[in-house]
Amino acid sequence: MIPRFGTPPAKGRDYRRRPGVYAILPRAGRLLLTRQSHPHPEVQLPGGGIDPGEAPVQALHREVLEETGWKIAAPRRLGSFRRFAYMPEYDLWAEKLCIVYLARPVRPLHAPTEPGHSALWMAPARAASSLGNAGDRHFAARFGCVT
């Protein structure tokens, strides 16, 4: 059974399942995160939706690069969780199936290309309390110091 974090689904509301990949990226005692400015400011684990026909690890590399500008290596699956949320950018109620990986940030290649995102580094304990959703906070607290 996949653990659920956050608000339970509302009765009678239709949710579309949205699989996505997210990364715990430790380096030199800090975590590489992304700050999303729209639709509201929020600190997040880098990652996002898996496109149709895309493999999860391929999506992880693409999403981390888009949201942070960093190349990553050696991704290893840590676990998964689900959460039910409204996604205003898609006008969609979603059951987000979030697959979390541990990976090594190798080097920055360029600035983030995802509009409204910026890369930031944060101590794992601070990240575990600053991340915008409970599932991200859980994985950061549990695996943020793993290298």
N, C-alpha and C. Protein backbone atom coordinates (compact mmCIF):
# COMPACT_ATOMS: atom_id res chain seq x y z
N MET A 1 0.83 -1.19 0.00
CA MET A 1 0.00 0.00 0.00
C MET A 1 0.88 1.25 0.00
N ILE A 2 0.52 2.20 -0.82
CA ILE A 2 1.29 3.44 -0.93
C ILE A 2 0.75 4.43 0.11
N PRO A 3 1.62 4.96 0.98
CA PRO A 3 1.13 5.89 2.00
C PRO A 3 0.59 7.19 1.37
N ARG A 4 -0.39 7.76 2.03
CA ARG A 4 -0.97 9.03 1.60
C ARG A 4 -0.56 10.11 2.59
N PHE A 5 -0.21 11.26 2.07
CA PHE A 5 0.10 12.44 2.88
C PHE A 5 -0.86 13.54 2.48
N GLY A 6 -1.20 14.39 3.43
CA GLY A 6 -2.03 15.54 3.12
C GLY A 6 -3.51 15.26 3.25
N THR A 7 -4.29 16.11 2.63
CA THR A 7 -5.75 16.09 2.71
C THR A 7 -6.31 14.84 2.04
N PRO A 8 -7.26 14.16 2.69
CA PRO A 8 -7.88 13.01 2.02
C PRO A 8 -8.72 13.46 0.83
N PRO A 9 -8.97 12.54 -0.11
CA PRO A 9 -9.78 12.92 -1.27
C PRO A 9 -11.20 13.29 -0.85
N ALA A 10 -11.77 14.26 -1.54
CA ALA A 10 -13.15 14.69 -1.25
C ALA A 10 -14.13 13.72 -1.90
N LYS A 11 -15.12 13.35 -1.17
CA LYS A 11 -16.15 12.45 -1.70
C LYS A 11 -16.84 13.11 -2.89
N GLY A 12 -17.03 12.32 -3.95
CA GLY A 12 -17.74 12.81 -5.12
C GLY A 12 -16.90 13.60 -6.10
N ARG A 13 -15.65 13.88 -5.77
CA ARG A 13 -14.78 14.63 -6.68
C ARG A 13 -13.97 13.64 -7.51
N ASP A 14 -13.87 13.88 -8.79
CA ASP A 14 -13.06 13.04 -9.67
C ASP A 14 -11.62 13.54 -9.67
N TYR A 15 -10.70 12.61 -9.48
CA TYR A 15 -9.28 12.92 -9.49
C TYR A 15 -8.63 12.15 -10.63
N ARG A 16 -7.74 12.81 -11.34
CA ARG A 16 -6.96 12.15 -12.39
C ARG A 16 -5.62 11.73 -11.78
N ARG A 17 -5.24 10.48 -11.99
CA ARG A 17 -3.95 10.00 -11.48
C ARG A 17 -2.83 10.63 -12.29
N ARG A 18 -1.86 11.22 -11.58
CA ARG A 18 -0.72 11.91 -12.20
C ARG A 18 0.58 11.35 -11.60
N PRO A 19 1.23 10.39 -12.27
CA PRO A 19 2.50 9.90 -11.76
C PRO A 19 3.60 10.94 -11.96
N GLY A 20 4.46 11.04 -10.97
CA GLY A 20 5.56 11.98 -11.05
C GLY A 20 6.78 11.46 -10.30
N VAL A 21 7.91 12.07 -10.57
CA VAL A 21 9.18 11.70 -9.95
C VAL A 21 9.78 12.92 -9.26
N TYR A 22 10.42 12.69 -8.12
CA TYR A 22 10.98 13.77 -7.30
C TYR A 22 12.31 13.31 -6.73
N ALA A 23 13.20 14.26 -6.42
CA ALA A 23 14.56 13.89 -6.03
C ALA A 23 14.99 14.51 -4.71
N ILE A 24 15.62 13.68 -3.90
CA ILE A 24 16.41 14.11 -2.75
C ILE A 24 17.83 14.23 -3.29
N LEU A 25 18.41 15.44 -3.22
CA LEU A 25 19.70 15.72 -3.85
C LEU A 25 20.69 16.29 -2.84
N PRO A 26 21.33 15.44 -2.03
CA PRO A 26 22.28 15.93 -1.03
C PRO A 26 23.68 16.19 -1.61
N ARG A 27 24.29 17.26 -1.12
CA ARG A 27 25.68 17.58 -1.50
C ARG A 27 26.26 18.50 -0.45
N ALA A 28 27.40 18.12 0.08
CA ALA A 28 28.13 18.94 1.05
C ALA A 28 27.25 19.37 2.22
N GLY A 29 26.43 18.46 2.73
CA GLY A 29 25.61 18.74 3.90
C GLY A 29 24.36 19.55 3.63
N ARG A 30 24.03 19.80 2.38
CA ARG A 30 22.81 20.55 2.04
C ARG A 30 22.04 19.80 0.96
N LEU A 31 20.78 20.20 0.78
CA LEU A 31 19.93 19.62 -0.26
C LEU A 31 19.67 20.65 -1.35
N LEU A 32 19.71 20.18 -2.60
CA LEU A 32 19.33 21.02 -3.73
C LEU A 32 17.82 20.93 -3.88
N LEU A 33 17.16 22.07 -3.82
CA LEU A 33 15.70 22.16 -3.90
C LEU A 33 15.32 23.14 -5.00
N THR A 34 14.04 23.28 -5.22
CA THR A 34 13.55 24.29 -6.14
C THR A 34 12.51 25.15 -5.44
N ARG A 35 12.52 26.43 -5.76
CA ARG A 35 11.49 27.35 -5.27
C ARG A 35 10.62 27.69 -6.46
N GLN A 36 9.33 27.35 -6.33
CA GLN A 36 8.35 27.68 -7.36
C GLN A 36 7.64 28.95 -6.94
N SER A 37 7.58 29.93 -7.83
CA SER A 37 6.97 31.21 -7.46
C SER A 37 5.49 31.30 -7.79
N HIS A 38 5.01 30.49 -8.74
CA HIS A 38 3.60 30.55 -9.16
C HIS A 38 2.97 29.17 -9.09
N PRO A 39 1.75 28.98 -8.72
CA PRO A 39 0.75 30.02 -8.46
C PRO A 39 0.91 30.67 -7.09
N HIS A 40 1.69 30.02 -6.18
CA HIS A 40 2.04 30.66 -4.92
C HIS A 40 3.46 30.20 -4.57
N PRO A 41 4.23 31.02 -3.87
CA PRO A 41 5.61 30.64 -3.54
C PRO A 41 5.64 29.37 -2.68
N GLU A 42 6.52 28.44 -3.09
CA GLU A 42 6.62 27.18 -2.36
C GLU A 42 7.98 26.55 -2.63
N VAL A 43 8.59 25.98 -1.59
CA VAL A 43 9.82 25.21 -1.73
C VAL A 43 9.42 23.76 -1.97
N GLN A 44 10.07 23.13 -2.95
CA GLN A 44 9.70 21.77 -3.35
C GLN A 44 10.93 20.92 -3.61
N LEU A 45 10.74 19.59 -3.54
CA LEU A 45 11.74 18.70 -4.09
C LEU A 45 11.70 18.88 -5.61
N PRO A 46 12.84 18.94 -6.28
CA PRO A 46 12.81 19.04 -7.73
C PRO A 46 12.14 17.80 -8.34
N GLY A 47 11.32 18.02 -9.33
CA GLY A 47 10.67 16.90 -10.00
C GLY A 47 9.34 17.33 -10.59
N GLY A 48 8.64 16.34 -11.13
CA GLY A 48 7.35 16.63 -11.73
C GLY A 48 6.81 15.44 -12.48
N GLY A 49 5.84 15.71 -13.33
CA GLY A 49 5.12 14.67 -14.02
C GLY A 49 5.94 13.88 -15.02
N ILE A 50 5.56 12.62 -15.15
CA ILE A 50 6.16 11.73 -16.15
C ILE A 50 5.32 11.88 -17.42
N ASP A 51 5.95 12.27 -18.51
CA ASP A 51 5.24 12.43 -19.78
C ASP A 51 4.87 11.07 -20.37
N PRO A 52 3.81 11.00 -21.17
CA PRO A 52 3.44 9.74 -21.81
C PRO A 52 4.61 9.16 -22.60
N GLY A 53 4.89 7.86 -22.38
CA GLY A 53 5.97 7.19 -23.07
C GLY A 53 7.35 7.40 -22.46
N GLU A 54 7.44 8.20 -21.42
CA GLU A 54 8.72 8.52 -20.79
C GLU A 54 8.97 7.58 -19.61
N ALA A 55 10.19 7.08 -19.47
CA ALA A 55 10.57 6.25 -18.33
C ALA A 55 10.74 7.15 -17.10
N PRO A 56 10.44 6.63 -15.89
CA PRO A 56 10.57 7.45 -14.69
C PRO A 56 11.95 8.08 -14.49
N VAL A 57 13.03 7.33 -14.69
CA VAL A 57 14.38 7.90 -14.48
C VAL A 57 14.68 8.96 -15.54
N GLN A 58 14.21 8.76 -16.75
CA GLN A 58 14.37 9.77 -17.80
C GLN A 58 13.64 11.05 -17.39
N ALA A 59 12.42 10.91 -16.87
CA ALA A 59 11.65 12.07 -16.41
C ALA A 59 12.36 12.77 -15.25
N LEU A 60 12.97 11.99 -14.35
CA LEU A 60 13.68 12.57 -13.21
C LEU A 60 14.82 13.47 -13.69
N HIS A 61 15.64 12.96 -14.61
CA HIS A 61 16.75 13.78 -15.14
C HIS A 61 16.22 15.05 -15.79
N ARG A 62 15.17 14.93 -16.60
CA ARG A 62 14.60 16.09 -17.30
C ARG A 62 14.05 17.11 -16.31
N GLU A 63 13.24 16.64 -15.36
CA GLU A 63 12.60 17.56 -14.41
C GLU A 63 13.62 18.29 -13.52
N VAL A 64 14.62 17.56 -13.01
CA VAL A 64 15.63 18.20 -12.17
C VAL A 64 16.39 19.25 -12.97
N LEU A 65 16.74 18.94 -14.21
CA LEU A 65 17.45 19.90 -15.05
C LEU A 65 16.57 21.13 -15.32
N GLU A 66 15.30 20.92 -15.65
CA GLU A 66 14.39 22.04 -15.92
C GLU A 66 14.22 22.94 -14.69
N GLU A 67 14.09 22.35 -13.52
CA GLU A 67 13.76 23.12 -12.31
C GLU A 67 14.95 23.66 -11.55
N THR A 68 16.15 23.07 -11.75
CA THR A 68 17.33 23.53 -11.02
C THR A 68 18.50 23.92 -11.92
N GLY A 69 18.54 23.37 -13.14
CA GLY A 69 19.67 23.58 -14.03
C GLY A 69 20.81 22.61 -13.78
N TRP A 70 20.64 21.67 -12.85
CA TRP A 70 21.70 20.74 -12.48
C TRP A 70 21.57 19.39 -13.18
N LYS A 71 22.72 18.83 -13.54
CA LYS A 71 22.81 17.45 -14.01
C LYS A 71 22.92 16.57 -12.78
N ILE A 72 22.26 15.40 -12.80
CA ILE A 72 22.33 14.46 -11.67
C ILE A 72 22.87 13.12 -12.13
N ALA A 73 23.28 12.29 -11.16
CA ALA A 73 23.79 10.95 -11.46
C ALA A 73 23.33 9.97 -10.39
N ALA A 74 23.40 8.70 -10.72
CA ALA A 74 23.17 7.57 -9.81
C ALA A 74 21.84 7.62 -9.07
N PRO A 75 20.71 7.84 -9.77
CA PRO A 75 19.43 7.85 -9.06
C PRO A 75 19.08 6.46 -8.51
N ARG A 76 18.56 6.46 -7.28
CA ARG A 76 18.15 5.23 -6.61
C ARG A 76 16.78 5.47 -5.99
N ARG A 77 15.83 4.62 -6.32
CA ARG A 77 14.47 4.79 -5.81
C ARG A 77 14.43 4.57 -4.30
N LEU A 78 13.80 5.52 -3.59
CA LEU A 78 13.64 5.44 -2.14
C LEU A 78 12.26 4.94 -1.73
N GLY A 79 11.24 5.33 -2.48
CA GLY A 79 9.88 4.97 -2.12
C GLY A 79 8.89 5.84 -2.85
N SER A 80 7.66 5.79 -2.41
CA SER A 80 6.63 6.59 -3.06
C SER A 80 5.56 6.98 -2.06
N PHE A 81 4.77 7.97 -2.45
CA PHE A 81 3.62 8.38 -1.66
C PHE A 81 2.60 8.96 -2.61
N ARG A 82 1.40 9.16 -2.13
CA ARG A 82 0.39 9.81 -2.95
C ARG A 82 -0.25 10.93 -2.15
N ARG A 83 -0.73 11.88 -2.89
CA ARG A 83 -1.45 13.00 -2.28
C ARG A 83 -2.49 13.49 -3.26
N PHE A 84 -3.54 14.06 -2.72
CA PHE A 84 -4.65 14.57 -3.52
C PHE A 84 -4.58 16.09 -3.48
N ALA A 85 -4.55 16.70 -4.66
CA ALA A 85 -4.34 18.15 -4.71
C ALA A 85 -4.96 18.74 -5.97
N TYR A 86 -5.27 20.02 -5.87
CA TYR A 86 -5.70 20.78 -7.04
C TYR A 86 -4.46 21.34 -7.71
N MET A 87 -4.37 21.19 -9.03
CA MET A 87 -3.25 21.70 -9.80
C MET A 87 -3.75 22.85 -10.66
N PRO A 88 -3.63 24.10 -10.16
CA PRO A 88 -4.20 25.24 -10.88
C PRO A 88 -3.62 25.45 -12.28
N GLU A 89 -2.35 25.08 -12.48
CA GLU A 89 -1.75 25.28 -13.79
C GLU A 89 -2.40 24.41 -14.86
N TYR A 90 -3.08 23.33 -14.42
CA TYR A 90 -3.80 22.44 -15.34
C TYR A 90 -5.31 22.47 -15.12
N ASP A 91 -5.78 23.26 -14.15
CA ASP A 91 -7.18 23.27 -13.76
C ASP A 91 -7.67 21.84 -13.56
N LEU A 92 -6.98 21.12 -12.66
CA LEU A 92 -7.18 19.68 -12.52
C LEU A 92 -7.08 19.26 -11.06
N TRP A 93 -8.00 18.43 -10.63
CA TRP A 93 -7.88 17.75 -9.34
C TRP A 93 -7.15 16.45 -9.61
N ALA A 94 -6.06 16.22 -8.89
CA ALA A 94 -5.19 15.08 -9.20
C ALA A 94 -4.91 14.22 -7.97
N GLU A 95 -4.81 12.92 -8.23
CA GLU A 95 -4.20 12.00 -7.28
C GLU A 95 -2.76 11.89 -7.75
N LYS A 96 -1.86 12.56 -7.04
CA LYS A 96 -0.46 12.57 -7.44
C LYS A 96 0.24 11.36 -6.85
N LEU A 97 0.76 10.51 -7.71
CA LEU A 97 1.56 9.37 -7.30
C LEU A 97 3.02 9.81 -7.42
N CYS A 98 3.66 10.04 -6.28
CA CYS A 98 4.98 10.66 -6.23
C CYS A 98 6.04 9.59 -5.93
N ILE A 99 6.93 9.35 -6.89
CA ILE A 99 8.03 8.40 -6.73
C ILE A 99 9.27 9.21 -6.40
N VAL A 100 9.90 8.88 -5.26
CA VAL A 100 11.02 9.68 -4.77
C VAL A 100 12.32 8.90 -4.94
N TYR A 101 13.32 9.60 -5.47
CA TYR A 101 14.65 9.03 -5.71
C TYR A 101 15.69 9.82 -4.91
N LEU A 102 16.77 9.14 -4.60
CA LEU A 102 17.98 9.77 -4.09
C LEU A 102 18.95 9.82 -5.27
N ALA A 103 19.54 10.98 -5.52
CA ALA A 103 20.50 11.10 -6.62
C ALA A 103 21.60 12.07 -6.21
N ARG A 104 22.66 12.07 -6.98
CA ARG A 104 23.80 12.93 -6.70
C ARG A 104 23.81 14.11 -7.67
N PRO A 105 23.74 15.34 -7.16
CA PRO A 105 23.90 16.49 -8.05
C PRO A 105 25.36 16.56 -8.52
N VAL A 106 25.56 16.55 -9.83
CA VAL A 106 26.92 16.50 -10.38
C VAL A 106 27.46 17.89 -10.62
N ARG A 107 26.72 18.69 -11.41
CA ARG A 107 27.18 20.04 -11.70
C ARG A 107 26.04 20.85 -12.32
N PRO A 108 26.11 22.17 -12.14
CA PRO A 108 25.11 23.01 -12.80
C PRO A 108 25.46 23.17 -14.28
N LEU A 109 24.45 23.04 -15.13
CA LEU A 109 24.65 23.21 -16.57
C LEU A 109 24.16 24.58 -17.05
N HIS A 110 23.11 25.09 -16.41
CA HIS A 110 22.53 26.38 -16.78
C HIS A 110 21.50 26.77 -15.73
N ALA A 111 20.94 27.94 -15.88
CA ALA A 111 19.86 28.38 -14.98
C ALA A 111 18.62 27.51 -15.22
N PRO A 112 17.73 27.41 -14.25
CA PRO A 112 16.50 26.66 -14.47
C PRO A 112 15.75 27.19 -15.71
N THR A 113 15.20 26.27 -16.49
CA THR A 113 14.43 26.65 -17.68
C THR A 113 12.93 26.60 -17.43
N GLU A 114 12.51 26.00 -16.33
CA GLU A 114 11.08 25.95 -15.99
C GLU A 114 10.67 27.33 -15.47
N PRO A 115 9.71 27.97 -16.13
CA PRO A 115 9.29 29.31 -15.69
C PRO A 115 8.87 29.33 -14.22
N GLY A 116 9.32 30.35 -13.52
CA GLY A 116 8.94 30.53 -12.12
C GLY A 116 9.67 29.65 -11.14
N HIS A 117 10.73 28.96 -11.56
CA HIS A 117 11.51 28.11 -10.66
C HIS A 117 12.91 28.66 -10.48
N SER A 118 13.45 28.48 -9.29
CA SER A 118 14.84 28.82 -9.02
C SER A 118 15.42 27.75 -8.10
N ALA A 119 16.71 27.48 -8.29
CA ALA A 119 17.40 26.49 -7.47
C ALA A 119 17.82 27.13 -6.15
N LEU A 120 17.78 26.34 -5.09
CA LEU A 120 18.30 26.80 -3.81
C LEU A 120 18.84 25.63 -3.03
N TRP A 121 19.79 25.93 -2.15
CA TRP A 121 20.40 24.92 -1.28
C TRP A 121 19.93 25.18 0.14
N MET A 122 19.65 24.10 0.86
CA MET A 122 19.13 24.24 2.22
C MET A 122 19.62 23.06 3.07
N ALA A 123 19.88 23.32 4.34
CA ALA A 123 20.23 22.24 5.27
C ALA A 123 19.05 21.26 5.36
N PRO A 124 19.33 19.96 5.46
CA PRO A 124 18.25 18.97 5.49
C PRO A 124 17.19 19.22 6.57
N ALA A 125 17.61 19.60 7.77
CA ALA A 125 16.62 19.84 8.84
C ALA A 125 15.71 21.01 8.49
N ARG A 126 16.28 22.05 7.91
CA ARG A 126 15.45 23.19 7.51
C ARG A 126 14.54 22.81 6.34
N ALA A 127 15.06 22.04 5.40
CA ALA A 127 14.24 21.58 4.27
C ALA A 127 13.07 20.75 4.77
N ALA A 128 13.32 19.89 5.74
CA ALA A 128 12.27 19.01 6.26
C ALA A 128 11.13 19.79 6.88
N SER A 129 11.37 21.04 7.26
CA SER A 129 10.27 21.86 7.81
C SER A 129 9.78 22.92 6.82
N SER A 130 10.52 23.16 5.73
CA SER A 130 10.17 24.23 4.79
C SER A 130 9.46 23.75 3.54
N LEU A 131 9.59 22.48 3.21
CA LEU A 131 8.99 21.97 1.98
C LEU A 131 7.48 22.09 2.01
N GLY A 132 6.89 22.31 0.85
CA GLY A 132 5.49 22.67 0.75
C GLY A 132 4.47 21.57 0.95
N ASN A 133 4.88 20.31 0.95
CA ASN A 133 3.89 19.26 1.22
C ASN A 133 4.47 18.22 2.17
N ALA A 134 3.59 17.53 2.86
CA ALA A 134 3.99 16.60 3.92
C ALA A 134 4.79 15.41 3.40
N GLY A 135 4.50 14.94 2.19
CA GLY A 135 5.27 13.83 1.63
C GLY A 135 6.70 14.23 1.37
N ASP A 136 6.92 15.40 0.77
CA ASP A 136 8.28 15.91 0.56
C ASP A 136 9.00 16.06 1.89
N ARG A 137 8.32 16.62 2.90
CA ARG A 137 8.94 16.82 4.22
C ARG A 137 9.35 15.47 4.83
N HIS A 138 8.49 14.46 4.70
CA HIS A 138 8.78 13.13 5.22
C HIS A 138 10.06 12.57 4.61
N PHE A 139 10.17 12.60 3.29
CA PHE A 139 11.34 12.04 2.62
C PHE A 139 12.59 12.86 2.90
N ALA A 140 12.48 14.18 2.98
CA ALA A 140 13.65 15.00 3.31
C ALA A 140 14.15 14.71 4.72
N ALA A 141 13.23 14.54 5.67
CA ALA A 141 13.64 14.24 7.04
C ALA A 141 14.28 12.86 7.14
N ARG A 142 13.75 11.91 6.40
CA ARG A 142 14.22 10.54 6.48
C ARG A 142 15.52 10.29 5.70
N PHE A 143 15.66 10.94 4.54
CA PHE A 143 16.77 10.61 3.65
C PHE A 143 17.66 11.79 3.32
N GLY A 144 17.39 12.98 3.87
CA GLY A 144 18.12 14.18 3.49
C GLY A 144 19.59 14.17 3.79
N CYS A 145 20.03 13.35 4.75
CA CYS A 145 21.45 13.30 5.10
C CYS A 145 22.15 12.11 4.47
N VAL A 146 21.41 11.27 3.71
CA VAL A 146 21.98 10.10 3.06
C VAL A 146 22.80 10.56 1.86
N THR A 147 23.99 10.05 1.71
CA THR A 147 24.80 10.38 0.53
C THR A 147 25.21 9.14 -0.21
